[in-house]
Amino acid sequence: MSKLLTGMRENHLFKERVHGEADSKLVVQVQCYSGHIYAQRPKSFLWLNGEYEILKVEREWQEPGKRIFKVLTGDERAFELCYNEVQGQWSAIELVT
């Protein structure tokens, strides 16, 4: 059975700046598929007062304590979503080419 989970703890506010990160990176709410691990595949996210459905995960990788996804949305925008396992929160950066 697949589960959709909100990838953000209740004590964090939407659009709160991530301390120590670039100003363009914001804490976001992410709905994701979680099978054998949490944050296995993001499905949609809230960013700057808009909800974005993820049409395609172009790339995914891991760094120590992080799961990172390069995704494309329905309006053809590209984002990098990062789940910080230590902080238990997601952040997003819009990728501009």
Protein backbone atom coordinates (compact mmCIF):
# COMPACT_ATOMS: atom_id res chain seq x y z
CA MET A 1 0.00 0.00 0.00
CA SER A 2 1.43 3.37 -0.96
CA LYS A 3 1.22 6.38 1.32
CA LEU A 4 1.18 10.10 0.61
CA LEU A 5 2.84 11.99 3.44
CA THR A 6 3.43 15.65 4.15
CA GLY A 7 7.17 16.20 4.29
CA MET A 8 7.21 19.01 6.82
CA ARG A 9 6.88 19.12 10.57
CA GLU A 10 4.09 21.18 12.11
CA ASN A 11 6.48 23.54 13.92
CA HIS A 12 7.93 24.88 10.66
CA LEU A 13 6.15 27.63 8.71
CA PHE A 14 5.66 27.53 4.96
CA LYS A 15 8.12 29.87 3.22
CA GLU A 16 10.38 30.10 6.29
CA ARG A 17 13.95 30.83 5.21
CA VAL A 18 16.40 27.99 5.71
CA HIS A 19 19.15 29.16 8.03
CA GLY A 20 22.62 29.01 6.55
CA GLU A 21 21.38 28.34 3.01
CA ALA A 22 21.09 30.56 -0.05
CA ASP A 23 18.20 33.03 0.04
CA SER A 24 16.57 31.34 -2.96
CA LYS A 25 16.06 28.09 -1.03
CA LEU A 26 12.76 27.94 0.88
CA VAL A 27 11.21 25.41 3.22
CA VAL A 28 8.25 23.82 1.43
CA GLN A 29 5.51 21.26 2.00
CA VAL A 30 5.88 18.15 -0.14
CA GLN A 31 3.48 15.29 -0.74
CA CYS A 32 5.49 12.19 -1.47
CA TYR A 33 5.24 8.47 -2.01
CA SER A 34 6.89 6.58 0.82
CA GLY A 35 7.24 2.84 0.40
CA HIS A 36 10.12 1.13 2.14
CA ILE A 37 11.67 4.53 3.05
CA TYR A 38 10.31 8.02 3.68
CA ALA A 39 10.62 10.50 0.80
CA GLN A 40 11.00 7.82 -1.83
CA ARG A 41 9.42 9.93 -4.59
CA PRO A 42 7.89 13.44 -4.44
CA LYS A 43 4.43 13.80 -6.04
CA SER A 44 3.56 17.51 -5.51
CA PHE A 45 4.63 20.50 -3.42
CA LEU A 46 3.54 23.93 -2.20
CA TRP A 47 5.88 26.78 -3.14
CA LEU A 48 5.28 30.55 -3.01
CA ASN A 49 1.52 30.16 -2.48
CA GLY A 50 1.12 27.78 -5.42
CA GLU A 51 0.70 24.01 -5.62
CA TYR A 52 2.82 22.20 -8.20
CA GLU A 53 2.19 18.68 -9.46
CA ILE A 54 5.37 16.82 -10.35
CA LEU A 55 5.11 15.28 -13.79
CA LYS A 56 8.60 13.82 -13.92
CA VAL A 57 11.53 13.12 -11.63
CA GLU A 58 14.47 13.74 -13.95
CA ARG A 59 17.20 12.82 -11.50
CA GLU A 60 17.54 11.75 -7.89
CA TRP A 61 20.59 11.32 -5.70
CA GLN A 62 21.71 11.16 -2.10
CA GLU A 63 24.22 13.16 -0.14
CA PRO A 64 25.01 12.58 3.53
CA GLY A 65 21.73 13.18 5.40
CA LYS A 66 19.87 14.35 2.27
CA ARG A 67 17.69 13.01 -0.55
CA ILE A 68 17.66 15.32 -3.58
CA PHE A 69 15.35 15.30 -6.61
CA LYS A 70 15.44 17.32 -9.84
CA VAL A 71 11.79 17.52 -10.94
CA LEU A 72 9.65 18.98 -13.73
CA THR A 73 6.20 20.40 -12.98
CA GLY A 74 3.04 20.56 -15.10
CA ASP A 75 3.87 24.10 -16.22
CA GLU A 76 7.33 22.96 -17.42
CA ARG A 77 9.28 24.54 -14.57
CA ALA A 78 12.30 22.74 -13.11
CA PHE A 79 13.00 22.53 -9.37
CA GLU A 80 15.47 20.89 -7.06
CA LEU A 81 13.72 19.45 -4.01
CA CYS A 82 15.86 18.41 -1.07
CA TYR A 83 14.74 16.38 1.96
CA ASN A 84 17.03 17.02 4.94
CA GLU A 85 16.80 13.85 7.03
CA VAL A 86 18.38 15.44 10.12
CA GLN A 87 16.00 18.43 10.23
CA GLY A 88 13.03 16.48 8.87
CA GLN A 89 12.15 19.18 6.35
CA TRP A 90 12.04 19.83 2.63
CA SER A 91 13.48 22.80 0.73
CA ALA A 92 13.15 23.88 -2.90
CA ILE A 93 15.11 25.88 -5.44
CA GLU A 94 13.70 26.79 -8.84
CA LEU A 95 16.21 25.96 -11.57
CA VAL A 96 16.40 28.62 -14.27
CA THR A 97 18.16 27.83 -17.52
